[in-house]
Amino acid sequence: MRNIILCVEEEFEKQRVDKFLSTCLPEYSRSFLQKNIEQGNVTISSKPVKSSYKLTEGEEVVIVVPDSQIPDIEPENIPLDILYEDEDVIVINKPKQMVVHPAAGNYTKTLVNALLYYCKDSLSGINGVLRPGIVHRIDKDTTGSIIVCKNDNAHRKLAEQFAVHSIKRSYLALCYGYFNEKEGVVDAPIGRDPKDRMKMAVNYSNGKRAVTHYTVLEQYEKVALVQCRLETGRTHQIRVHMTSIRHPLLGDEIYKTGFNTAAKLQGQCLHAYELGFIHPTTGEEVMVKAPVPDYFQNIVENEKKL
């Protein structure tokens, strides 16, 4: 038997614990998770909870599962583009189409597989064996900075910074259309799309507060280079927010809403450019910038020629 400990982030505030577990542990079936809840194997503050229990941000959910239920995650010698590293944290420049952590049907070639090879046993264990060191995520097709924790102390302190939104994160995005205003703020709650539960959407009924600040850096004929700063960190926040103001991201097949992409871009043009945090040991601010990837820069150069 082993324990998986999951920290409840703000986006899961007031969500039922059974739905939370299904989202965070897709490698397990819903029936398996429900059975563990019924057997008292899911606890918060050492007390068993029911499936209908509503979560509070900052709580730690502990689920006890048999060892055999979790496949062995093998270290893989996958090159890592390291932007910053010390004894507590490592910041990786994640390439396009790399999944952050293993899940059902996808247990190889993830960032975690690469980290297990590079860091060996030096990764925090708070998020379980499938997410060692992982304190936040970026989408498979989003490139750029992601921070990984090497020990539990660093993980807890970084998780606290993410919870109170003190982490500084800015992204570069290529968006469709002409912007009438050079900068603006999208303040619209995000939740599950009631028409398609696999997608996120601006949802004023059941969404969580989400705020994105954007600045148009360059306006081209049909495309704009936009810098987006996250005040909150909802799932697909930039993609949903920019679509909501009729400026979806190039290559975003999920949220494009009628816009066509001339080239096959393998997902949205979104790059996690800047990541700033307070170091968990020194207390000093660390700011890391991820170089703009070639595919992104090539599109910009092509737009300049039009």
Protein backbone atom coordinates (compact mmCIF):
# COMPACT_ATOMS: atom_id res chain seq x y z
CA MET A 1 0.00 0.00 0.00
CA ARG A 2 1.12 3.58 -0.59
CA ASN A 3 -0.22 7.06 -0.01
CA ILE A 4 -0.85 9.62 -2.73
CA ILE A 5 -1.07 13.17 -1.35
CA LEU A 6 -2.80 15.81 -3.46
CA CYS A 7 -2.81 19.50 -2.54
CA VAL A 8 -6.08 21.27 -3.39
CA GLU A 9 -5.41 24.30 -5.58
CA GLU A 10 -7.80 27.21 -5.91
CA GLU A 11 -9.42 25.95 -9.10
CA PHE A 12 -10.81 22.98 -7.16
CA GLU A 13 -12.33 25.06 -4.35
CA LYS A 14 -15.79 23.66 -3.41
CA GLN A 15 -15.47 20.76 -5.86
CA ARG A 16 -16.58 17.30 -4.73
CA VAL A 17 -13.70 15.12 -3.64
CA ASP A 18 -14.67 12.28 -6.01
CA LYS A 19 -14.58 14.62 -9.03
CA PHE A 20 -11.29 16.08 -7.81
CA LEU A 21 -9.71 12.64 -7.63
CA SER A 22 -11.01 11.71 -11.09
CA THR A 23 -9.44 14.86 -12.53
CA CYS A 24 -6.10 14.54 -10.74
CA LEU A 25 -5.76 10.76 -11.07
CA PRO A 26 -6.96 9.91 -14.59
CA GLU A 27 -4.97 6.67 -14.48
CA TYR A 28 -7.61 5.26 -12.12
CA SER A 29 -11.20 4.41 -13.03
CA ARG A 30 -14.05 6.29 -11.39
CA SER A 31 -15.32 3.05 -9.85
CA PHE A 32 -11.91 2.34 -8.32
CA LEU A 33 -11.79 5.80 -6.73
CA GLN A 34 -15.39 5.53 -5.48
CA LYS A 35 -14.60 2.17 -3.92
CA ASN A 36 -11.61 3.61 -2.08
CA ILE A 37 -13.73 6.48 -0.77
CA GLU A 38 -16.39 4.04 0.47
CA GLN A 39 -13.72 1.93 2.19
CA GLY A 40 -12.41 4.97 4.07
CA ASN A 41 -9.15 5.08 2.13
CA VAL A 42 -9.53 8.78 1.24
CA THR A 43 -8.86 11.15 4.11
CA ILE A 44 -8.46 14.84 4.84
CA SER A 45 -6.81 15.82 8.13
CA SER A 46 -6.66 12.07 8.93
CA LYS A 47 -10.47 11.77 8.73
CA PRO A 48 -12.27 9.68 6.06
CA VAL A 49 -14.51 11.71 3.76
CA LYS A 50 -17.56 10.91 1.64
CA SER A 51 -17.74 11.35 -2.12
CA SER A 52 -19.87 14.48 -1.69
CA TYR A 53 -17.32 16.26 0.51
CA LYS A 54 -16.65 19.78 -0.81
CA LEU A 55 -12.98 20.74 -0.91
CA THR A 56 -11.27 23.84 0.44
CA GLU A 57 -8.18 25.36 -1.13
CA GLY A 58 -5.01 24.31 0.68
CA GLU A 59 -6.36 21.00 2.00
CA GLU A 60 -4.33 17.84 1.46
CA VAL A 61 -6.26 14.84 0.20
CA VAL A 62 -4.67 11.49 1.01
CA ILE A 63 -5.69 8.35 -0.87
CA VAL A 64 -4.30 4.93 0.02
CA VAL A 65 -3.94 2.63 -3.00
CA PRO A 66 -2.32 -0.76 -3.60
CA ASP A 67 1.17 -0.62 -5.09
CA SER A 68 0.05 -2.76 -8.01
CA GLN A 69 -2.40 -0.12 -9.21
CA ILE A 70 0.37 2.27 -10.21
CA PRO A 71 2.59 1.27 -13.13
CA ASP A 72 6.33 1.67 -12.80
CA ILE A 73 7.37 4.99 -14.27
CA GLU A 74 10.72 4.41 -15.92
CA PRO A 75 13.51 7.01 -16.07
CA GLU A 76 14.26 7.94 -19.68
CA ASN A 77 17.33 9.66 -21.07
CA ILE A 78 15.47 12.56 -22.68
CA PRO A 79 17.46 15.80 -23.10
CA LEU A 80 16.28 18.66 -20.87
CA ASP A 81 16.70 22.36 -21.60
CA ILE A 82 17.54 23.61 -18.09
CA LEU A 83 17.02 27.32 -17.49
CA TYR A 84 17.83 27.36 -13.76
CA GLU A 85 18.86 24.77 -11.19
CA ASP A 86 20.00 24.53 -7.57
CA GLU A 87 19.54 22.10 -4.68
CA ASP A 88 15.85 22.97 -4.24
CA VAL A 89 14.33 23.63 -7.66
CA ILE A 90 14.91 23.20 -11.35
CA VAL A 91 13.26 25.23 -14.12
CA ILE A 92 12.85 23.48 -17.46
CA ASN A 93 12.15 24.98 -20.87
CA LYS A 94 9.51 22.44 -21.95
CA PRO A 95 9.34 21.68 -25.68
CA LYS A 96 6.17 21.45 -27.71
CA GLN A 97 4.19 18.19 -27.56
CA MET A 98 5.82 16.98 -24.34
CA VAL A 99 3.31 15.91 -21.69
CA VAL A 100 4.26 16.98 -18.15
CA HIS A 101 3.38 13.82 -16.23
CA PRO A 102 2.28 10.25 -17.01
CA ALA A 103 -1.39 9.33 -17.28
CA ALA A 104 -3.45 6.45 -18.62
CA GLY A 105 -2.09 5.33 -21.97
CA ASN A 106 0.78 7.79 -21.77
CA TYR A 107 3.43 6.53 -19.39
CA THR A 108 6.55 7.28 -21.43
CA LYS A 109 8.37 10.25 -22.96
CA THR A 110 6.89 12.69 -20.43
CA LEU A 111 8.74 15.39 -18.51
CA VAL A 112 8.55 13.20 -15.41
CA ASN A 113 10.30 10.32 -17.21
CA ALA A 114 13.10 12.72 -18.16
CA LEU A 115 13.31 14.18 -14.65
CA LEU A 116 13.56 10.73 -13.05
CA TYR A 117 16.59 10.02 -15.20
CA TYR A 118 18.23 13.39 -14.62
CA CYS A 119 17.40 13.99 -10.94
CA LYS A 120 17.16 10.34 -9.84
CA ASP A 121 15.80 10.37 -6.27
CA SER A 122 16.05 14.15 -5.84
CA LEU A 123 12.41 15.07 -6.45
CA SER A 124 9.65 15.99 -4.02
CA GLY A 125 7.15 13.23 -3.27
CA ILE A 126 4.12 15.26 -2.21
CA ASN A 127 2.18 14.72 -5.45
CA GLY A 128 2.77 10.97 -5.58
CA VAL A 129 4.81 8.69 -7.80
CA LEU A 130 3.21 9.86 -11.04
CA ARG A 131 3.96 13.54 -10.38
CA PRO A 132 7.27 13.67 -8.49
CA GLY A 133 8.42 17.26 -8.17
CA ILE A 134 5.48 18.63 -10.17
CA VAL A 135 3.96 21.71 -8.52
CA HIS A 136 2.20 23.15 -11.59
CA ARG A 137 1.58 22.22 -15.21
CA ILE A 138 1.48 23.69 -18.68
CA ASP A 139 -0.34 22.15 -21.62
CA LYS A 140 1.26 19.56 -23.89
CA ASP A 141 1.45 22.02 -26.79
CA THR A 142 2.51 25.02 -24.71
CA THR A 143 6.26 25.61 -24.60
CA GLY A 144 8.38 27.32 -22.00
CA SER A 145 9.12 27.59 -18.29
CA ILE A 146 7.95 25.03 -15.77
CA ILE A 147 9.35 24.79 -12.25
CA VAL A 148 10.01 21.44 -10.56
CA CYS A 149 10.74 20.89 -6.86
CA LYS A 150 13.55 18.67 -5.64
CA ASN A 151 12.34 18.29 -2.06
CA ASP A 152 9.12 18.49 -0.06
CA ASN A 153 10.02 21.76 1.68
CA ALA A 154 10.48 23.51 -1.65
CA HIS A 155 7.26 21.95 -2.95
CA ARG A 156 5.17 23.22 -0.02
CA LYS A 157 6.57 26.74 -0.25
CA LEU A 158 6.14 26.97 -4.02
CA ALA A 159 2.62 25.52 -3.76
CA GLU A 160 1.76 28.28 -1.29
CA GLN A 161 2.99 30.91 -3.77
CA PHE A 162 0.86 29.41 -6.53
CA ALA A 163 -2.15 29.30 -4.19
CA VAL A 164 -1.97 33.02 -3.40
CA HIS A 165 -1.04 33.94 -7.01
CA SER A 166 2.28 35.53 -6.05
CA ILE A 167 4.12 33.61 -8.77
CA LYS A 168 4.91 35.95 -11.66
CA ARG A 169 4.00 34.36 -14.98
CA SER A 170 3.87 35.95 -18.40
CA TYR A 171 3.27 34.24 -21.70
CA LEU A 172 3.78 35.14 -25.34
CA ALA A 173 0.86 34.31 -27.60
CA LEU A 174 0.15 34.66 -31.30
CA CYS A 175 -3.49 35.67 -31.67
CA TYR A 176 -5.81 36.12 -34.62
CA GLY A 177 -7.21 39.47 -35.62
CA TYR A 178 -6.60 43.18 -35.21
CA PHE A 179 -6.63 44.60 -31.67
CA ASN A 180 -8.28 48.01 -31.38
CA GLU A 181 -6.72 48.49 -27.96
CA LYS A 182 -3.03 47.94 -27.27
CA GLU A 183 -3.66 46.55 -23.81
CA GLY A 184 -6.51 45.34 -21.70
CA VAL A 185 -7.76 43.04 -18.96
CA VAL A 186 -10.05 40.05 -19.31
CA ASP A 187 -11.82 39.45 -16.00
CA ALA A 188 -14.19 36.55 -16.59
CA PRO A 189 -14.72 33.37 -14.55
CA ILE A 190 -13.63 30.08 -16.06
CA GLY A 191 -15.18 26.68 -15.49
CA ARG A 192 -16.21 23.56 -17.37
CA ASP A 193 -18.07 24.22 -20.61
CA PRO A 194 -21.66 23.12 -19.88
CA LYS A 195 -22.02 21.99 -23.51
CA ASP A 196 -18.74 20.07 -23.61
CA ARG A 197 -17.28 18.84 -20.33
CA MET A 198 -13.92 18.19 -22.00
CA LYS A 199 -13.45 21.93 -22.57
CA MET A 200 -13.19 25.00 -20.38
CA ALA A 201 -15.22 28.15 -20.99
CA VAL A 202 -16.16 31.52 -19.55
CA ASN A 203 -18.78 30.34 -17.08
CA TYR A 204 -20.57 32.93 -14.96
CA SER A 205 -22.69 30.31 -13.20
CA ASN A 206 -20.09 27.83 -11.97
CA GLY A 207 -16.73 29.28 -12.94
CA LYS A 208 -13.88 30.49 -10.75
CA ARG A 209 -12.54 34.04 -10.95
CA ALA A 210 -9.94 34.38 -13.68
CA VAL A 211 -7.99 37.49 -14.69
CA THR A 212 -5.62 37.90 -17.63
CA HIS A 213 -3.75 41.13 -18.42
CA TYR A 214 -2.64 41.46 -22.03
CA THR A 215 -0.43 43.82 -24.03
CA VAL A 216 -0.12 43.84 -27.82
CA LEU A 217 3.62 43.86 -28.56
CA GLU A 218 3.33 43.75 -32.35
CA GLN A 219 0.32 44.01 -34.64
CA TYR A 220 0.66 42.38 -38.04
CA GLU A 221 -1.85 42.13 -40.88
CA LYS A 222 -3.97 39.28 -39.51
CA VAL A 223 -2.05 38.24 -36.41
CA ALA A 224 -0.79 39.92 -33.25
CA LEU A 225 2.06 39.08 -30.90
CA VAL A 226 0.59 39.45 -27.43
CA GLN A 227 2.07 39.25 -23.96
CA CYS A 228 -0.32 37.82 -21.37
CA ARG A 229 0.24 38.10 -17.63
CA LEU A 230 -1.69 35.75 -15.39
CA GLU A 231 -3.24 37.13 -12.24
CA THR A 232 -4.89 33.76 -11.63
CA GLY A 233 -4.04 30.32 -12.95
CA ARG A 234 -7.07 28.53 -14.33
CA THR A 235 -6.95 25.62 -16.74
CA HIS A 236 -6.55 26.88 -20.33
CA GLN A 237 -6.99 30.44 -19.00
CA ILE A 238 -5.22 32.37 -21.77
CA ARG A 239 -6.73 30.22 -24.51
CA VAL A 240 -10.25 30.67 -23.15
CA HIS A 241 -9.91 34.37 -22.36
CA MET A 242 -8.42 35.37 -25.70
CA THR A 243 -11.09 33.39 -27.52
CA SER A 244 -13.76 35.15 -25.46
CA ILE A 245 -12.65 38.51 -26.89
CA ARG A 246 -12.51 37.11 -30.44
CA HIS A 247 -8.74 36.72 -30.60
CA PRO A 248 -8.10 32.96 -30.33
CA LEU A 249 -4.57 31.60 -30.48
CA LEU A 250 -3.07 30.38 -33.74
CA GLY A 251 -3.11 26.61 -33.96
CA ASP A 252 -5.66 26.14 -31.17
CA GLU A 253 -7.97 23.50 -32.56
CA ILE A 254 -10.07 23.34 -29.40
CA TYR A 255 -10.89 27.02 -28.87
CA LYS A 256 -10.44 28.50 -32.36
CA THR A 257 -14.20 29.21 -32.79
CA GLY A 258 -14.34 29.33 -36.55
CA PHE A 259 -10.86 30.67 -37.30
CA ASN A 260 -8.68 28.66 -39.65
CA THR A 261 -4.98 27.99 -39.34
CA ALA A 262 -3.03 28.20 -42.61
CA ALA A 263 -0.19 26.02 -41.34
CA LYS A 264 -0.21 22.88 -39.23
CA LEU A 265 1.20 24.21 -35.98
CA GLN A 266 0.78 21.18 -33.70
CA GLY A 267 -1.36 23.05 -31.21
CA GLN A 268 -1.69 26.58 -29.91
CA CYS A 269 1.08 29.18 -30.26
CA LEU A 270 1.64 29.85 -26.58
CA HIS A 271 4.98 30.18 -24.81
CA ALA A 272 5.56 30.45 -21.05
CA TYR A 273 8.12 33.23 -21.35
CA GLU A 274 8.76 34.53 -17.82
CA LEU A 275 8.52 32.76 -14.47
CA GLY A 276 9.28 34.58 -11.23
CA PHE A 277 9.14 33.17 -7.69
CA ILE A 278 10.53 33.61 -4.20
CA HIS A 279 13.22 31.04 -3.61
CA PRO A 280 12.06 28.53 -0.95
CA THR A 281 15.39 28.62 0.93
CA THR A 282 17.06 31.98 0.30
CA GLY A 283 13.89 34.09 0.20
CA GLU A 284 15.27 35.96 -2.80
CA GLU A 285 13.30 36.57 -5.98
CA VAL A 286 14.26 34.41 -8.95
CA MET A 287 13.18 35.44 -12.46
CA VAL A 288 13.69 33.04 -15.35
CA LYS A 289 13.06 33.68 -19.05
CA ALA A 290 12.61 30.93 -21.61
CA PRO A 291 13.96 31.72 -25.10
CA VAL A 292 11.30 31.98 -27.78
CA PRO A 293 11.20 28.68 -29.71
CA ASP A 294 12.10 28.57 -33.40
CA TYR A 295 8.62 27.64 -34.61
CA PHE A 296 7.19 30.67 -32.84
CA GLN A 297 9.88 33.05 -34.10
CA ASN A 298 9.49 31.76 -37.65
CA ILE A 299 5.80 32.65 -37.66
CA VAL A 300 6.62 36.13 -36.39
CA GLU A 301 9.21 36.62 -39.13
CA ASN A 302 6.77 35.44 -41.79
CA GLU A 303 4.10 37.85 -40.52
CA LYS A 304 6.57 40.73 -40.71
CA LYS A 305 7.03 40.06 -44.43
CA LEU A 306 3.31 40.34 -45.24
